[in-house]
Amino acid sequence: MRETSPSRVYQRSNRAHELTPAERAIYDTLDPSRIPQHVAIIMDGNGRWAGKRALKRFLGHQQGAESVQYVVETASRIDLPWLTLYAFSLENNLRRPKNEVSFLMKLLKTYLISNVKRMNDNNIRMAYIGRTRELPSEVQDTMQWAAEQTAKNTGTTLTLALNYGSRSEIVDSARTLVHSMLAEAAKRGISLEDLLAAEGVDDAIKTRIDEPQLSANLYTAHIPDPDLVIRTSGEQRISNFLLWQIAYAEIFVTERLWPDFRGLHLLEAIADYQQRERRFGGLGETSDEDLSDVLPTEAELARG
């Protein structure tokens, strides 16, 4: 499990002047050495946004797509390395009405086609996670085209989670490990049972199936775990999103519905994140807890 981010050079973004005055006011208060490496967002509230305005749901989705580009461009202007958006869940695909799913697929195609130039202008690279092979072929073609068009960009990597479910991701990782063991056994010309027995079954399984191996076969193996997860619309749940990867992420929940979320609110979430102390299961640097009053002495241990 990747609890720490790779080293990077921290400095003020040379594109900060492109921020709005309100965004710049928040950005100037931030510690550039504590900008998160990876922010993941659960975009929620499109339907409620439309319902509050007596509009059809598809108009909420369209407005939500506009919010995506606003937030992504702000992320690029502050040199945020990784931004992952929960765009379309496995459950959405299975449980939403077919006409809504069809509209969402068309909206995704339109978004990618319409915004590739803006992504290139902002040095944004496109990526995807999820069971994307189950999406319509024409959608997959557009996704691949957008990824290829932005592949040379070196700024923010925008990852869209599409037909994504975290439990399914973990299952897929485990399946990959089993297939790799079968392939190794076949290459040696022996059965899987013989392969494991030759090394001691328990030891062989422990070597081949552990946290680093599972992590290395997740969809996100190539990117750092999220430092910050943002959930819009006030819901207090994770919704099967990056369950493995967010084990030590900070979580920020806002009542704001996704279509009303902008780059300003991303910066507010980062400012809140910077006020927190990340301990990864240990004691924080500012802890004033006196362990001598908590831990038993050697004499107490001997007595008991």
C-alpha atoms as a PDB file:
ATOM      1  CA  MET A   1       0.000   0.000   0.000  1.00  0.00           C
ATOM      2  CA  ARG A   2       1.420   3.356  -0.984  1.00  0.00           C
ATOM      3  CA  GLU A   3       1.087   5.621   2.041  1.00  0.00           C
ATOM      4  CA  THR A   4       3.694   8.149   0.977  1.00  0.00           C
ATOM      5  CA  SER A   5       4.005  10.083  -2.228  1.00  0.00           C
ATOM      6  CA  PRO A   6       7.112  10.148  -4.394  1.00  0.00           C
ATOM      7  CA  SER A   7       9.361  13.149  -3.936  1.00  0.00           C
ATOM      8  CA  ARG A   8       8.729  16.206  -6.049  1.00  0.00           C
ATOM      9  CA  VAL A   9      10.009  19.749  -6.266  1.00  0.00           C
ATOM     10  CA  TYR A  10       7.604  22.062  -4.434  1.00  0.00           C
ATOM     11  CA  GLN A  11       7.264  25.588  -5.665  1.00  0.00           C
ATOM     12  CA  ARG A  12       4.643  28.132  -6.542  1.00  0.00           C
ATOM     13  CA  SER A  13       2.894  27.410  -9.812  1.00  0.00           C
ATOM     14  CA  ASN A  14       3.992  29.597 -12.703  1.00  0.00           C
ATOM     15  CA  ARG A  15       0.347  29.610 -13.852  1.00  0.00           C
ATOM     16  CA  ALA A  16      -1.101  31.048 -10.645  1.00  0.00           C
ATOM     17  CA  HIS A  17      -1.760  34.311 -12.477  1.00  0.00           C
ATOM     18  CA  GLU A  18      -4.426  32.458 -14.494  1.00  0.00           C
ATOM     19  CA  LEU A  19      -6.526  31.836 -11.382  1.00  0.00           C
ATOM     20  CA  THR A  20      -9.530  34.045 -10.688  1.00  0.00           C
ATOM     21  CA  PRO A  21      -9.020  36.699  -7.982  1.00  0.00           C
ATOM     22  CA  ALA A  22     -11.051  34.620  -5.501  1.00  0.00           C
ATOM     23  CA  GLU A  23      -9.036  31.492  -6.336  1.00  0.00           C
ATOM     24  CA  ARG A  24      -5.752  33.373  -6.118  1.00  0.00           C
ATOM     25  CA  ALA A  25      -6.666  34.719  -2.677  1.00  0.00           C
ATOM     26  CA  ILE A  26      -6.977  31.151  -1.362  1.00  0.00           C
ATOM     27  CA  TYR A  27      -4.011  29.797  -3.305  1.00  0.00           C
ATOM     28  CA  ASP A  28      -1.715  32.451  -1.849  1.00  0.00           C
ATOM     29  CA  THR A  29      -2.520  31.180   1.661  1.00  0.00           C
ATOM     30  CA  LEU A  30      -1.525  27.596   0.820  1.00  0.00           C
ATOM     31  CA  ASP A  31       1.764  25.952   1.696  1.00  0.00           C
ATOM     32  CA  PRO A  32       3.158  24.807  -1.685  1.00  0.00           C
ATOM     33  CA  SER A  33       5.029  21.972   0.041  1.00  0.00           C
ATOM     34  CA  ARG A  34       1.706  20.513   1.218  1.00  0.00           C
ATOM     35  CA  ILE A  35      -0.292  20.591  -2.004  1.00  0.00           C
ATOM     36  CA  PRO A  36      -1.665  17.036  -2.267  1.00  0.00           C
ATOM     37  CA  GLN A  37      -0.179  14.802  -4.926  1.00  0.00           C
ATOM     38  CA  HIS A  38      -3.517  13.227  -5.734  1.00  0.00           C
ATOM     39  CA  VAL A  39      -7.074  14.475  -5.219  1.00  0.00           C
ATOM     40  CA  ALA A  40     -10.016  12.164  -5.902  1.00  0.00           C
ATOM     41  CA  ILE A  41     -13.566  13.495  -6.193  1.00  0.00           C
ATOM     42  CA  ILE A  42     -16.900  11.719  -5.845  1.00  0.00           C
ATOM     43  CA  MET A  43     -19.035  13.934  -8.056  1.00  0.00           C
ATOM     44  CA  ASP A  44     -22.574  13.753  -6.709  1.00  0.00           C
ATOM     45  CA  GLY A  45     -25.737  15.799  -6.972  1.00  0.00           C
ATOM     46  CA  ASN A  46     -26.441  16.278 -10.685  1.00  0.00           C
ATOM     47  CA  GLY A  47     -29.979  14.892 -10.396  1.00  0.00           C
ATOM     48  CA  ARG A  48     -30.773  16.861  -7.245  1.00  0.00           C
ATOM     49  CA  TRP A  49     -29.410  20.035  -8.813  1.00  0.00           C
ATOM     50  CA  ALA A  50     -31.820  19.589 -11.723  1.00  0.00           C
ATOM     51  CA  GLY A  51     -34.720  18.602  -9.449  1.00  0.00           C
ATOM     52  CA  LYS A  52     -34.338  21.747  -7.328  1.00  0.00           C
ATOM     53  CA  ARG A  53     -34.800  23.750 -10.520  1.00  0.00           C
ATOM     54  CA  ALA A  54     -37.640  21.626 -11.899  1.00  0.00           C
ATOM     55  CA  LEU A  55     -35.363  20.603 -14.760  1.00  0.00           C
ATOM     56  CA  LYS A  56     -34.895  17.204 -16.370  1.00  0.00           C
ATOM     57  CA  ARG A  57     -32.042  15.097 -14.999  1.00  0.00           C
ATOM     58  CA  PHE A  58     -30.038  15.258 -18.222  1.00  0.00           C
ATOM     59  CA  LEU A  59     -29.631  19.018 -17.757  1.00  0.00           C
ATOM     60  CA  GLY A  60     -28.038  18.338 -14.380  1.00  0.00           C
ATOM     61  CA  HIS A  61     -25.597  15.937 -16.026  1.00  0.00           C
ATOM     62  CA  GLN A  62     -24.766  18.525 -18.689  1.00  0.00           C
ATOM     63  CA  GLN A  63     -24.074  21.166 -16.053  1.00  0.00           C
ATOM     64  CA  GLY A  64     -21.990  18.628 -14.146  1.00  0.00           C
ATOM     65  CA  ALA A  65     -19.836  18.107 -17.239  1.00  0.00           C
ATOM     66  CA  GLU A  66     -19.195  21.864 -17.317  1.00  0.00           C
ATOM     67  CA  SER A  67     -18.061  21.728 -13.695  1.00  0.00           C
ATOM     68  CA  VAL A  68     -15.551  19.033 -14.590  1.00  0.00           C
ATOM     69  CA  GLN A  69     -13.693  21.297 -16.961  1.00  0.00           C
ATOM     70  CA  TYR A  70     -13.684  24.264 -14.559  1.00  0.00           C
ATOM     71  CA  VAL A  71     -12.226  22.121 -11.771  1.00  0.00           C
ATOM     72  CA  VAL A  72      -9.716  20.378 -14.025  1.00  0.00           C
ATOM     73  CA  GLU A  73      -8.376  23.672 -15.347  1.00  0.00           C
ATOM     74  CA  THR A  74      -7.920  25.043 -11.840  1.00  0.00           C
ATOM     75  CA  ALA A  75      -6.112  21.836 -10.882  1.00  0.00           C
ATOM     76  CA  SER A  76      -3.760  22.302 -13.817  1.00  0.00           C
ATOM     77  CA  ARG A  77      -3.107  25.936 -12.877  1.00  0.00           C
ATOM     78  CA  ILE A  78      -1.907  24.960  -9.397  1.00  0.00           C
ATOM     79  CA  ASP A  79       0.194  22.049 -10.722  1.00  0.00           C
ATOM     80  CA  LEU A  80      -1.868  19.343  -9.036  1.00  0.00           C
ATOM     81  CA  PRO A  81      -0.206  16.164 -10.364  1.00  0.00           C
ATOM     82  CA  TRP A  82      -3.153  13.756 -10.206  1.00  0.00           C
ATOM     83  CA  LEU A  83      -6.925  14.307 -10.256  1.00  0.00           C
ATOM     84  CA  THR A  84      -9.322  11.349 -10.327  1.00  0.00           C
ATOM     85  CA  LEU A  85     -13.057  11.831 -10.883  1.00  0.00           C
ATOM     86  CA  TYR A  86     -15.719   9.227 -10.164  1.00  0.00           C
ATOM     87  CA  ALA A  87     -17.632   9.753 -13.380  1.00  0.00           C
ATOM     88  CA  PHE A  88     -19.648   6.560 -13.913  1.00  0.00           C
ATOM     89  CA  SER A  89     -19.862   3.654 -11.511  1.00  0.00           C
ATOM     90  CA  LEU A  90     -20.404  -0.009 -12.203  1.00  0.00           C
ATOM     91  CA  GLU A  91     -23.628   0.333 -10.226  1.00  0.00           C
ATOM     92  CA  ASN A  92     -24.720   3.249 -12.426  1.00  0.00           C
ATOM     93  CA  ASN A  93     -24.321   1.016 -15.457  1.00  0.00           C
ATOM     94  CA  LEU A  94     -26.309  -1.822 -13.900  1.00  0.00           C
ATOM     95  CA  ARG A  95     -29.042   0.053 -12.046  1.00  0.00           C
ATOM     96  CA  ARG A  96     -29.785   3.292 -13.892  1.00  0.00           C
ATOM     97  CA  PRO A  97     -32.478   3.385 -16.596  1.00  0.00           C
ATOM     98  CA  LYS A  98     -31.068   2.417 -19.990  1.00  0.00           C
ATOM     99  CA  ASN A  99     -31.997   5.751 -21.548  1.00  0.00           C
ATOM    100  CA  GLU A 100     -30.082   7.621 -18.827  1.00  0.00           C
ATOM    101  CA  VAL A 101     -27.034   5.380 -19.273  1.00  0.00           C
ATOM    102  CA  SER A 102     -27.196   5.937 -23.030  1.00  0.00           C
ATOM    103  CA  PHE A 103     -27.339   9.702 -22.501  1.00  0.00           C
ATOM    104  CA  LEU A 104     -24.362   9.586 -20.129  1.00  0.00           C
ATOM    105  CA  MET A 105     -22.325   7.702 -22.730  1.00  0.00           C
ATOM    106  CA  LYS A 106     -23.181  10.308 -25.367  1.00  0.00           C
ATOM    107  CA  LEU A 107     -22.310  13.070 -22.910  1.00  0.00           C
ATOM    108  CA  LEU A 108     -18.936  11.433 -22.229  1.00  0.00           C
ATOM    109  CA  LYS A 109     -18.154  11.268 -25.943  1.00  0.00           C
ATOM    110  CA  THR A 110     -19.191  14.884 -26.412  1.00  0.00           C
ATOM    111  CA  TYR A 111     -17.129  16.004 -23.428  1.00  0.00           C
ATOM    112  CA  LEU A 112     -13.983  14.296 -24.670  1.00  0.00           C
ATOM    113  CA  ILE A 113     -14.320  15.498 -28.250  1.00  0.00           C
ATOM    114  CA  SER A 114     -15.171  19.072 -27.216  1.00  0.00           C
ATOM    115  CA  ASN A 115     -12.459  19.466 -24.587  1.00  0.00           C
ATOM    116  CA  VAL A 116      -9.346  17.803 -25.986  1.00  0.00           C
ATOM    117  CA  LYS A 117      -8.055  21.136 -27.274  1.00  0.00           C
ATOM    118  CA  ARG A 118      -8.617  22.768 -23.880  1.00  0.00           C
ATOM    119  CA  MET A 119      -6.853  19.851 -22.232  1.00  0.00           C
ATOM    120  CA  ASN A 120      -3.866  20.270 -24.516  1.00  0.00           C
ATOM    121  CA  ASP A 121      -3.880  24.029 -23.911  1.00  0.00           C
ATOM    122  CA  ASN A 122      -3.729  23.286 -20.174  1.00  0.00           C
ATOM    123  CA  ASN A 123      -1.140  20.470 -20.459  1.00  0.00           C
ATOM    124  CA  ILE A 124      -3.626  17.884 -19.121  1.00  0.00           C
ATOM    125  CA  ARG A 125      -3.209  14.170 -19.810  1.00  0.00           C
ATOM    126  CA  MET A 126      -6.239  11.855 -19.972  1.00  0.00           C
ATOM    127  CA  ALA A 127      -6.435   8.412 -18.354  1.00  0.00           C
ATOM    128  CA  TYR A 128      -9.172   5.993 -17.314  1.00  0.00           C
ATOM    129  CA  ILE A 129      -9.807   3.294 -14.723  1.00  0.00           C
ATOM    130  CA  GLY A 130     -12.606   0.749 -14.496  1.00  0.00           C
ATOM    131  CA  ARG A 131     -14.009  -2.091 -16.551  1.00  0.00           C
ATOM    132  CA  THR A 132     -13.902   0.126 -19.606  1.00  0.00           C
ATOM    133  CA  ARG A 133     -13.966  -2.831 -22.010  1.00  0.00           C
ATOM    134  CA  GLU A 134     -17.642  -3.235 -21.132  1.00  0.00           C
ATOM    135  CA  LEU A 135     -18.501   0.246 -22.398  1.00  0.00           C
ATOM    136  CA  PRO A 136     -19.908   0.728 -25.940  1.00  0.00           C
ATOM    137  CA  SER A 137     -17.207   0.313 -28.571  1.00  0.00           C
ATOM    138  CA  GLU A 138     -17.700   3.797 -30.002  1.00  0.00           C
ATOM    139  CA  VAL A 139     -17.208   5.265 -26.519  1.00  0.00           C
ATOM    140  CA  GLN A 140     -14.030   3.227 -26.063  1.00  0.00           C
ATOM    141  CA  ASP A 141     -12.754   4.510 -29.411  1.00  0.00           C
ATOM    142  CA  THR A 142     -13.316   8.119 -28.345  1.00  0.00           C
ATOM    143  CA  MET A 143     -11.652   7.484 -24.997  1.00  0.00           C
ATOM    144  CA  GLN A 144      -8.597   6.012 -26.686  1.00  0.00           C
ATOM    145  CA  TRP A 145      -8.473   8.905 -29.148  1.00  0.00           C
ATOM    146  CA  ALA A 146      -8.579  11.485 -26.318  1.00  0.00           C
ATOM    147  CA  ALA A 147      -5.858   9.615 -24.407  1.00  0.00           C
ATOM    148  CA  GLU A 148      -3.648   9.512 -27.490  1.00  0.00           C
ATOM    149  CA  GLN A 149      -4.240  13.193 -28.257  1.00  0.00           C
ATOM    150  CA  THR A 150      -3.144  14.212 -24.741  1.00  0.00           C
ATOM    151  CA  ALA A 151      -0.485  11.545 -24.129  1.00  0.00           C
ATOM    152  CA  LYS A 152       2.470  13.929 -24.503  1.00  0.00           C
ATOM    153  CA  ASN A 153       1.182  16.407 -21.927  1.00  0.00           C
ATOM    154  CA  THR A 154       3.173  16.596 -18.703  1.00  0.00           C
ATOM    155  CA  GLY A 155       0.873  18.465 -16.327  1.00  0.00           C
ATOM    156  CA  THR A 156      -2.143  17.215 -14.379  1.00  0.00           C
ATOM    157  CA  THR A 157      -3.241  13.674 -15.161  1.00  0.00           C
ATOM    158  CA  LEU A 158      -7.033  13.581 -15.245  1.00  0.00           C
ATOM    159  CA  THR A 159      -8.258  10.048 -14.570  1.00  0.00           C
ATOM    160  CA  LEU A 160     -11.919   9.295 -15.178  1.00  0.00           C
ATOM    161  CA  ALA A 161     -13.326   6.330 -13.268  1.00  0.00           C
ATOM    162  CA  LEU A 162     -15.751   4.802 -15.761  1.00  0.00           C
ATOM    163  CA  ASN A 163     -17.793   1.654 -15.236  1.00  0.00           C
ATOM    164  CA  TYR A 164     -15.774   1.554 -12.043  1.00  0.00           C
ATOM    165  CA  GLY A 165     -16.371  -0.271  -8.771  1.00  0.00           C
ATOM    166  CA  SER A 166     -13.681  -0.672  -6.133  1.00  0.00           C
ATOM    167  CA  ARG A 167     -14.742  -4.137  -5.021  1.00  0.00           C
ATOM    168  CA  SER A 168     -14.621  -5.273  -8.644  1.00  0.00           C
ATOM    169  CA  GLU A 169     -11.177  -3.701  -8.975  1.00  0.00           C
ATOM    170  CA  ILE A 170      -9.872  -5.715  -6.019  1.00  0.00           C
ATOM    171  CA  VAL A 171     -11.455  -8.878  -7.437  1.00  0.00           C
ATOM    172  CA  ASP A 172      -9.814  -8.183 -10.811  1.00  0.00           C
ATOM    173  CA  SER A 173      -6.449  -7.730  -9.097  1.00  0.00           C
ATOM    174  CA  ALA A 174      -6.802 -11.068  -7.305  1.00  0.00           C
ATOM    175  CA  ARG A 175      -7.797 -12.775 -10.545  1.00  0.00           C
ATOM    176  CA  THR A 176      -4.714 -11.341 -12.240  1.00  0.00           C
ATOM    177  CA  LEU A 177      -2.497 -12.816  -9.522  1.00  0.00           C
ATOM    178  CA  VAL A 178      -4.104 -16.243  -9.940  1.00  0.00           C
ATOM    179  CA  HIS A 179      -3.664 -16.085 -13.715  1.00  0.00           C
ATOM    180  CA  SER A 180      -0.012 -15.123 -13.281  1.00  0.00           C
ATOM    181  CA  MET A 181       0.555 -18.168 -11.072  1.00  0.00           C
ATOM    182  CA  LEU A 182      -1.149 -20.413 -13.615  1.00  0.00           C
ATOM    183  CA  ALA A 183       0.997 -18.924 -16.385  1.00  0.00           C
ATOM    184  CA  GLU A 184       4.170 -19.492 -14.353  1.00  0.00           C
ATOM    185  CA  ALA A 185       3.194 -23.105 -13.717  1.00  0.00           C
ATOM    186  CA  ALA A 186       2.449 -23.665 -17.404  1.00  0.00           C
ATOM    187  CA  LYS A 187       5.787 -22.140 -18.391  1.00  0.00           C
ATOM    188  CA  ARG A 188       7.566 -24.601 -16.085  1.00  0.00           C
ATOM    189  CA  GLY A 189       5.468 -27.470 -17.399  1.00  0.00           C
ATOM    190  CA  ILE A 190       4.024 -28.343 -13.991  1.00  0.00           C
ATOM    191  CA  SER A 191       0.683 -28.040 -12.270  1.00  0.00           C
ATOM    192  CA  LEU A 192      -0.188 -25.111 -10.021  1.00  0.00           C
ATOM    193  CA  GLU A 193      -0.295 -27.503  -7.077  1.00  0.00           C
ATOM    194  CA  ASP A 194       3.251 -28.677  -7.841  1.00  0.00           C
ATOM    195  CA  LEU A 195       4.440 -25.090  -8.266  1.00  0.00           C
ATOM    196  CA  LEU A 196       3.180 -24.134  -4.831  1.00  0.00           C
ATOM    197  CA  ALA A 197       4.282 -27.396  -3.197  1.00  0.00           C
ATOM    198  CA  ALA A 198       7.837 -26.967  -4.464  1.00  0.00           C
ATOM    199  CA  GLU A 199       8.183 -23.779  -2.411  1.00  0.00           C
ATOM    200  CA  GLY A 200       5.931 -24.787   0.460  1.00  0.00           C
ATOM    201  CA  VAL A 201       2.275 -23.948  -0.121  1.00  0.00           C
ATOM    202  CA  ASP A 202       1.894 -21.405   2.662  1.00  0.00           C
ATOM    203  CA  ASP A 203       5.181 -19.650   1.880  1.00  0.00           C
ATOM    204  CA  ALA A 204       4.436 -19.628  -1.858  1.00  0.00           C
ATOM    205  CA  ILE A 205       1.010 -18.097  -1.332  1.00  0.00           C
ATOM    206  CA  LYS A 206       2.365 -15.487   1.087  1.00  0.00           C
ATOM    207  CA  THR A 207       5.048 -14.535  -1.438  1.00  0.00           C
ATOM    208  CA  ARG A 208       2.666 -14.229  -4.377  1.00  0.00           C
ATOM    209  CA  ILE A 209      -0.420 -12.791  -2.695  1.00  0.00           C
ATOM    210  CA  ASP A 210       0.287  -9.892  -0.368  1.00  0.00           C
ATOM    211  CA  GLU A 211      -0.546  -6.188  -0.130  1.00  0.00           C
ATOM    212  CA  PRO A 212       2.202  -4.979  -2.504  1.00  0.00           C
ATOM    213  CA  GLN A 213       1.211  -7.579  -5.119  1.00  0.00           C
ATOM    214  CA  LEU A 214      -2.495  -6.760  -4.902  1.00  0.00           C
ATOM    215  CA  SER A 215      -1.700  -3.042  -5.062  1.00  0.00           C
ATOM    216  CA  ALA A 216       0.548  -3.542  -8.088  1.00  0.00           C
ATOM    217  CA  ASN A 217      -2.324  -5.140 -10.001  1.00  0.00           C
ATOM    218  CA  LEU A 218      -4.997  -2.556  -9.260  1.00  0.00           C
ATOM    219  CA  TYR A 219      -6.159  -0.233 -12.042  1.00  0.00           C
ATOM    220  CA  THR A 220      -4.303   2.564 -10.214  1.00  0.00           C
ATOM    221  CA  ALA A 221      -0.946   0.800  -9.901  1.00  0.00           C
ATOM    222  CA  HIS A 222       0.751   3.573 -11.894  1.00  0.00           C
ATOM    223  CA  ILE A 223      -0.404   6.476  -9.697  1.00  0.00           C
ATOM    224  CA  PRO A 224       0.006   7.404  -6.013  1.00  0.00           C
ATOM    225  CA  ASP A 225      -2.838   6.775  -3.600  1.00  0.00           C
ATOM    226  CA  PRO A 226      -5.131   9.781  -3.051  1.00  0.00           C
ATOM    227  CA  ASP A 227      -4.167  12.211  -0.318  1.00  0.00           C
ATOM    228  CA  LEU A 228      -7.559  13.912  -0.354  1.00  0.00           C
ATOM    229  CA  VAL A 229     -11.041  12.655  -1.247  1.00  0.00           C
ATOM    230  CA  ILE A 230     -13.774  15.226  -1.875  1.00  0.00           C
ATOM    231  CA  ARG A 231     -17.448  14.234  -1.754  1.00  0.00           C
ATOM    232  CA  THR A 232     -20.054  16.694  -2.989  1.00  0.00           C
ATOM    233  CA  SER A 233     -23.794  16.867  -2.121  1.00  0.00           C
ATOM    234  CA  GLY A 234     -23.286  16.196   1.582  1.00  0.00           C
ATOM    235  CA  GLU A 235     -23.541  12.427   1.458  1.00  0.00           C
ATOM    236  CA  GLN A 236     -21.472  10.696   4.141  1.00  0.00           C
ATOM    237  CA  ARG A 237     -20.366   7.610   2.240  1.00  0.00           C
ATOM    238  CA  ILE A 238     -17.612   6.387  -0.084  1.00  0.00           C
ATOM    239  CA  SER A 239     -19.885   4.646  -2.622  1.00  0.00           C
ATOM    240  CA  ASN A 240     -17.444   1.876  -3.565  1.00  0.00           C
ATOM    241  CA  PHE A 241     -14.765   4.315  -4.715  1.00  0.00           C
ATOM    242  CA  LEU A 242     -11.042   3.528  -4.372  1.00  0.00           C
ATOM    243  CA  LEU A 243     -11.613   1.559  -1.161  1.00  0.00           C
ATOM    244  CA  TRP A 244      -8.093   0.118  -1.105  1.00  0.00           C
ATOM    245  CA  GLN A 245      -6.348   3.323  -2.156  1.00  0.00           C
ATOM    246  CA  ILE A 246      -7.996   5.755   0.288  1.00  0.00           C
ATOM    247  CA  ALA A 247      -7.090   3.833   3.444  1.00  0.00           C
ATOM    248  CA  TYR A 248      -5.222   6.882   4.779  1.00  0.00           C
ATOM    249  CA  ALA A 249      -6.738   9.661   2.674  1.00  0.00           C
ATOM    250  CA  GLU A 250      -8.266  12.756   4.235  1.00  0.00           C
ATOM    251  CA  ILE A 251     -11.970  13.101   3.437  1.00  0.00           C
ATOM    252  CA  PHE A 252     -13.680  16.423   2.774  1.00  0.00           C
ATOM    253  CA  VAL A 253     -17.473  16.511   2.447  1.00  0.00           C
ATOM    254  CA  THR A 254     -19.320  19.541   1.124  1.00  0.00           C
ATOM    255  CA  GLU A 255     -23.056  20.151   0.879  1.00  0.00           C
ATOM    256  CA  ARG A 256     -22.500  21.813  -2.482  1.00  0.00           C
ATOM    257  CA  LEU A 257     -23.967  19.866  -5.402  1.00  0.00           C
ATOM    258  CA  TRP A 258     -21.500  18.939  -8.121  1.00  0.00           C
ATOM    259  CA  PRO A 259     -22.918  21.237 -10.849  1.00  0.00           C
ATOM    260  CA  ASP A 260     -22.213  24.179  -8.510  1.00  0.00           C
ATOM    261  CA  PHE A 261     -18.673  23.029  -7.664  1.00  0.00           C
ATOM    262  CA  ARG A 262     -15.840  25.104  -9.121  1.00  0.00           C
ATOM    263  CA  GLY A 263     -12.093  25.478  -8.885  1.00  0.00           C
ATOM    264  CA  LEU A 264     -12.577  27.853  -5.964  1.00  0.00           C
ATOM    265  CA  HIS A 265     -14.143  25.034  -3.973  1.00  0.00           C
ATOM    266  CA  LEU A 266     -11.312  22.671  -4.880  1.00  0.00           C
ATOM    267  CA  LEU A 267      -8.898  25.193  -3.379  1.00  0.00           C
ATOM    268  CA  GLU A 268     -11.076  25.500  -0.264  1.00  0.00           C
ATOM    269  CA  ALA A 269     -10.909  21.725   0.174  1.00  0.00           C
ATOM    270  CA  ILE A 270      -7.118  21.790  -0.201  1.00  0.00           C
ATOM    271  CA  ALA A 271      -6.901  24.611   2.360  1.00  0.00           C
ATOM    272  CA  ASP A 272      -8.916  22.469   4.793  1.00  0.00           C
ATOM    273  CA  TYR A 273      -6.666  19.487   4.017  1.00  0.00           C
ATOM    274  CA  GLN A 274      -3.597  21.522   4.926  1.00  0.00           C
ATOM    275  CA  GLN A 275      -5.017  22.182   8.391  1.00  0.00           C
ATOM    276  CA  ARG A 276      -5.052  18.455   9.167  1.00  0.00           C
ATOM    277  CA  GLU A 277      -2.264  16.328  10.575  1.00  0.00           C
ATOM    278  CA  ARG A 278      -1.770  13.053   8.712  1.00  0.00           C
ATOM    279  CA  ARG A 279      -0.533  10.315  11.018  1.00  0.00           C
ATOM    280  CA  PHE A 280      -0.879   7.095   8.968  1.00  0.00           C
ATOM    281  CA  GLY A 281      -1.695   5.155  12.138  1.00  0.00           C
ATOM    282  CA  GLY A 282       1.062   6.688  14.276  1.00  0.00           C
ATOM    283  CA  LEU A 283       1.297   9.655  16.622  1.00  0.00           C
ATOM    284  CA  GLY A 284       1.416  13.077  15.106  1.00  0.00           C
ATOM    285  CA  GLU A 285       4.412  15.355  15.351  1.00  0.00           C
ATOM    286  CA  THR A 286       2.430  17.803  17.465  1.00  0.00           C
ATOM    287  CA  SER A 287       1.099  15.171  19.867  1.00  0.00           C
ATOM    288  CA  ASP A 288       1.639  16.139  23.503  1.00  0.00           C
ATOM    289  CA  GLU A 289       0.622  12.725  24.826  1.00  0.00           C
ATOM    290  CA  ASP A 290       3.022  11.516  27.521  1.00  0.00           C
ATOM    291  CA  LEU A 291       3.516   7.821  26.823  1.00  0.00           C
ATOM    292  CA  SER A 292       5.136   7.311  30.205  1.00  0.00           C
ATOM    293  CA  ASP A 293       1.673   7.689  31.753  1.00  0.00           C
ATOM    294  CA  VAL A 294       0.110   5.299  29.261  1.00  0.00           C
ATOM    295  CA  LEU A 295       2.553   2.424  28.782  1.00  0.00           C
ATOM    296  CA  PRO A 296       3.258  -0.079  31.578  1.00  0.00           C
ATOM    297  CA  THR A 297       6.637  -0.140  33.261  1.00  0.00           C
ATOM    298  CA  GLU A 298       8.895  -3.225  33.091  1.00  0.00           C
ATOM    299  CA  ALA A 299       7.906  -4.062  36.673  1.00  0.00           C
ATOM    300  CA  GLU A 300       4.204  -3.872  35.804  1.00  0.00           C
ATOM    301  CA  LEU A 301       4.761  -6.089  32.782  1.00  0.00           C
ATOM    302  CA  ALA A 302       6.619  -8.642  34.902  1.00  0.00           C
ATOM    303  CA  ARG A 303       3.749  -8.766  37.397  1.00  0.00           C
ATOM    304  CA  GLY A 304       1.344  -9.406  34.785  1.00  0.00           C
END
